Amino acid sequence: MSEHGKMDISAQQDAFKGFVKLFTVGTIGVIILLILMAIFLL
């Protein structure tokens, strides 16, 4: 067993970085979509 506080969390850190990147790209995509809708539909 590993000692307390000695876990290898590199996989979790990579997954979290991927999640943050996906969230950021998705948010920017929604903002661009809203801007385009405002330009073309109003």
PDB file of N, CA and C in Angstrom:
ATOM      1  N   MET A   1       0.841  -1.195   0.000  1.00  0.00           N
ATOM      2  CA  MET A   1       0.000   0.000   0.000  1.00  0.00           C
ATOM      3  C   MET A   1       0.880   1.251   0.000  1.00  0.00           C
ATOM      4  N   SER A   2       0.411   2.244  -0.693  1.00  0.00           N
ATOM      5  CA  SER A   2       1.165   3.494  -0.692  1.00  0.00           C
ATOM      6  C   SER A   2       0.858   4.281   0.583  1.00  0.00           C
ATOM      7  N   GLU A   3       1.820   5.070   1.002  1.00  0.00           N
ATOM      8  CA  GLU A   3       1.633   5.867   2.205  1.00  0.00           C
ATOM      9  C   GLU A   3       0.648   6.999   1.937  1.00  0.00           C
ATOM     10  N   HIS A   4       0.094   7.512   2.993  1.00  0.00           N
ATOM     11  CA  HIS A   4      -0.867   8.605   2.876  1.00  0.00           C
ATOM     12  C   HIS A   4      -0.187   9.834   2.252  1.00  0.00           C
ATOM     13  N   GLY A   5      -0.812  10.400   1.208  1.00  0.00           N
ATOM     14  CA  GLY A   5      -0.263  11.586   0.577  1.00  0.00           C
ATOM     15  C   GLY A   5       0.750  11.286  -0.505  1.00  0.00           C
ATOM     16  N   LYS A   6       0.954  10.020  -0.836  1.00  0.00           N
ATOM     17  CA  LYS A   6       1.965   9.652  -1.829  1.00  0.00           C
ATOM     18  C   LYS A   6       1.324   9.088  -3.109  1.00  0.00           C
ATOM     19  N   MET A   7       0.033   9.365  -3.327  1.00  0.00           N
ATOM     20  CA  MET A   7      -0.628   8.825  -4.514  1.00  0.00           C
ATOM     21  C   MET A   7      -0.096   9.471  -5.792  1.00  0.00           C
ATOM     22  N   ASP A   8      -0.081   8.693  -6.865  1.00  0.00           N
ATOM     23  CA  ASP A   8       0.283   9.232  -8.172  1.00  0.00           C
ATOM     24  C   ASP A   8      -0.994   9.728  -8.841  1.00  0.00           C
ATOM     25  N   ILE A   9      -1.116  11.040  -8.951  1.00  0.00           N
ATOM     26  CA  ILE A   9      -2.352  11.608  -9.491  1.00  0.00           C
ATOM     27  C   ILE A   9      -2.130  12.224 -10.860  1.00  0.00           C
ATOM     28  N   SER A  10      -1.068  11.804 -11.575  1.00  0.00           N
ATOM     29  CA  SER A  10      -0.785  12.407 -12.880  1.00  0.00           C
ATOM     30  C   SER A  10      -1.915  12.135 -13.871  1.00  0.00           C
ATOM     31  N   ALA A  11      -2.530  10.952 -13.805  1.00  0.00           N
ATOM     32  CA  ALA A  11      -3.635  10.651 -14.722  1.00  0.00           C
ATOM     33  C   ALA A  11      -4.824  11.561 -14.438  1.00  0.00           C
ATOM     34  N   GLN A  12      -5.118  11.785 -13.169  1.00  0.00           N
ATOM     35  CA  GLN A  12      -6.224  12.669 -12.818  1.00  0.00           C
ATOM     36  C   GLN A  12      -5.923  14.106 -13.230  1.00  0.00           C
ATOM     37  N   GLN A  13      -4.663  14.519 -13.079  1.00  0.00           N
ATOM     38  CA  GLN A  13      -4.295  15.881 -13.478  1.00  0.00           C
ATOM     39  C   GLN A  13      -4.441  16.057 -14.982  1.00  0.00           C
ATOM     40  N   ASP A  14      -4.034  15.056 -15.762  1.00  0.00           N
ATOM     41  CA  ASP A  14      -4.190  15.130 -17.213  1.00  0.00           C
ATOM     42  C   ASP A  14      -5.664  15.178 -17.595  1.00  0.00           C
ATOM     43  N   ALA A  15      -6.491  14.370 -16.932  1.00  0.00           N
ATOM     44  CA  ALA A  15      -7.924  14.367 -17.217  1.00  0.00           C
ATOM     45  C   ALA A  15      -8.530  15.726 -16.876  1.00  0.00           C
ATOM     46  N   PHE A  16      -8.102  16.313 -15.756  1.00  0.00           N
ATOM     47  CA  PHE A  16      -8.634  17.622 -15.365  1.00  0.00           C
ATOM     48  C   PHE A  16      -8.224  18.693 -16.371  1.00  0.00           C
ATOM     49  N   LYS A  17      -6.962  18.636 -16.837  1.00  0.00           N
ATOM     50  CA  LYS A  17      -6.516  19.599 -17.852  1.00  0.00           C
ATOM     51  C   LYS A  17      -7.342  19.455 -19.130  1.00  0.00           C
ATOM     52  N   GLY A  18      -7.631  18.229 -19.506  1.00  0.00           N
ATOM     53  CA  GLY A  18      -8.463  17.994 -20.683  1.00  0.00           C
ATOM     54  C   GLY A  18      -9.866  18.541 -20.494  1.00  0.00           C
ATOM     55  N   PHE A  19     -10.429  18.340 -19.308  1.00  0.00           N
ATOM     56  CA  PHE A  19     -11.766  18.850 -19.019  1.00  0.00           C
ATOM     57  C   PHE A  19     -11.794  20.372 -19.068  1.00  0.00           C
ATOM     58  N   VAL A  20     -10.786  21.016 -18.489  1.00  0.00           N
ATOM     59  CA  VAL A  20     -10.726  22.479 -18.501  1.00  0.00           C
ATOM     60  C   VAL A  20     -10.605  22.987 -19.932  1.00  0.00           C
ATOM     61  N   LYS A  21      -9.786  22.315 -20.745  1.00  0.00           N
ATOM     62  CA  LYS A  21      -9.631  22.731 -22.141  1.00  0.00           C
ATOM     63  C   LYS A  21     -10.947  22.568 -22.894  1.00  0.00           C
ATOM     64  N   LEU A  22     -11.639  21.446 -22.694  1.00  0.00           N
ATOM     65  CA  LEU A  22     -12.925  21.214 -23.355  1.00  0.00           C
ATOM     66  C   LEU A  22     -13.946  22.270 -22.927  1.00  0.00           C
ATOM     67  N   PHE A  23     -13.995  22.574 -21.648  1.00  0.00           N
ATOM     68  CA  PHE A  23     -14.923  23.582 -21.139  1.00  0.00           C
ATOM     69  C   PHE A  23     -14.622  24.953 -21.747  1.00  0.00           C
ATOM     70  N   THR A  24     -13.328  25.302 -21.830  1.00  0.00           N
ATOM     71  CA  THR A  24     -12.934  26.598 -22.382  1.00  0.00           C
ATOM     72  C   THR A  24     -13.301  26.696 -23.859  1.00  0.00           C
ATOM     73  N   VAL A  25     -12.974  25.665 -24.626  1.00  0.00           N
ATOM     74  CA  VAL A  25     -13.289  25.678 -26.057  1.00  0.00           C
ATOM     75  C   VAL A  25     -14.803  25.719 -26.265  1.00  0.00           C
ATOM     76  N   GLY A  26     -15.545  24.969 -25.464  1.00  0.00           N
ATOM     77  CA  GLY A  26     -17.000  24.971 -25.577  1.00  0.00           C
ATOM     78  C   GLY A  26     -17.591  26.332 -25.260  1.00  0.00           C
ATOM     79  N   THR A  27     -17.082  26.976 -24.232  1.00  0.00           N
ATOM     80  CA  THR A  27     -17.574  28.304 -23.851  1.00  0.00           C
ATOM     81  C   THR A  27     -17.289  29.318 -24.962  1.00  0.00           C
ATOM     82  N   ILE A  28     -16.087  29.290 -25.508  1.00  0.00           N
ATOM     83  CA  ILE A  28     -15.742  30.209 -26.594  1.00  0.00           C
ATOM     84  C   ILE A  28     -16.628  29.934 -27.805  1.00  0.00           C
ATOM     85  N   GLY A  29     -16.890  28.662 -28.090  1.00  0.00           N
ATOM     86  CA  GLY A  29     -17.772  28.307 -29.207  1.00  0.00           C
ATOM     87  C   GLY A  29     -19.175  28.862 -29.024  1.00  0.00           C
ATOM     88  N   VAL A  30     -19.708  28.764 -27.822  1.00  0.00           N
ATOM     89  CA  VAL A  30     -21.053  29.290 -27.552  1.00  0.00           C
ATOM     90  C   VAL A  30     -21.070  30.808 -27.702  1.00  0.00           C
ATOM     91  N   ILE A  31     -20.035  31.483 -27.226  1.00  0.00           N
ATOM     92  CA  ILE A  31     -19.962  32.940 -27.347  1.00  0.00           C
ATOM     93  C   ILE A  31     -19.930  33.348 -28.818  1.00  0.00           C
ATOM     94  N   ILE A  32     -19.116  32.652 -29.624  1.00  0.00           N
ATOM     95  CA  ILE A  32     -19.050  32.960 -31.056  1.00  0.00           C
ATOM     96  C   ILE A  32     -20.402  32.706 -31.714  1.00  0.00           C
ATOM     97  N   LEU A  33     -21.058  31.604 -31.353  1.00  0.00           N
ATOM     98  CA  LEU A  33     -22.383  31.304 -31.905  1.00  0.00           C
ATOM     99  C   LEU A  33     -23.378  32.411 -31.561  1.00  0.00           C
ATOM    100  N   LEU A  34     -23.370  32.876 -30.320  1.00  0.00           N
ATOM    101  CA  LEU A  34     -24.291  33.939 -29.925  1.00  0.00           C
ATOM    102  C   LEU A  34     -24.001  35.232 -30.678  1.00  0.00           C
ATOM    103  N   ILE A  35     -22.732  35.553 -30.878  1.00  0.00           N
ATOM    104  CA  ILE A  35     -22.377  36.763 -31.624  1.00  0.00           C
ATOM    105  C   ILE A  35     -22.864  36.655 -33.057  1.00  0.00           C
ATOM    106  N   LEU A  36     -22.644  35.500 -33.693  1.00  0.00           N
ATOM    107  CA  LEU A  36     -23.100  35.312 -35.067  1.00  0.00           C
ATOM    108  C   LEU A  36     -24.616  35.371 -35.168  1.00  0.00           C
ATOM    109  N   MET A  37     -25.315  34.798 -34.204  1.00  0.00           N
ATOM    110  CA  MET A  37     -26.786  34.864 -34.204  1.00  0.00           C
ATOM    111  C   MET A  37     -27.245  36.316 -34.066  1.00  0.00           C
ATOM    112  N   ALA A  38     -26.572  37.097 -33.208  1.00  0.00           N
ATOM    113  CA  ALA A  38     -26.954  38.493 -33.028  1.00  0.00           C
ATOM    114  C   ALA A  38     -26.733  39.271 -34.318  1.00  0.00           C
ATOM    115  N   ILE A  39     -25.657  38.953 -35.038  1.00  0.00           N
ATOM    116  CA  ILE A  39     -25.374  39.686 -36.288  1.00  0.00           C
ATOM    117  C   ILE A  39     -26.385  39.342 -37.363  1.00  0.00           C
ATOM    118  N   PHE A  40     -26.649  38.057 -37.560  1.00  0.00           N
ATOM    119  CA  PHE A  40     -27.448  37.629 -38.700  1.00  0.00           C
ATOM    120  C   PHE A  40     -28.950  37.575 -38.434  1.00  0.00           C
ATOM    121  N   LEU A  41     -29.377  37.479 -37.198  1.00  0.00           N
ATOM    122  CA  LEU A  41     -30.801  37.297 -36.918  1.00  0.00           C
ATOM    123  C   LEU A  41     -31.470  38.552 -36.380  1.00  0.00           C
ATOM    124  N   LEU A  42     -30.703  39.554 -36.008  1.00  0.00           N
ATOM    125  CA  LEU A  42     -31.329  40.782 -35.483  1.00  0.00           C
ATOM    126  C   LEU A  42     -31.257  41.894 -36.508  1.00  0.00           C
TER     127      LEU A  42
END
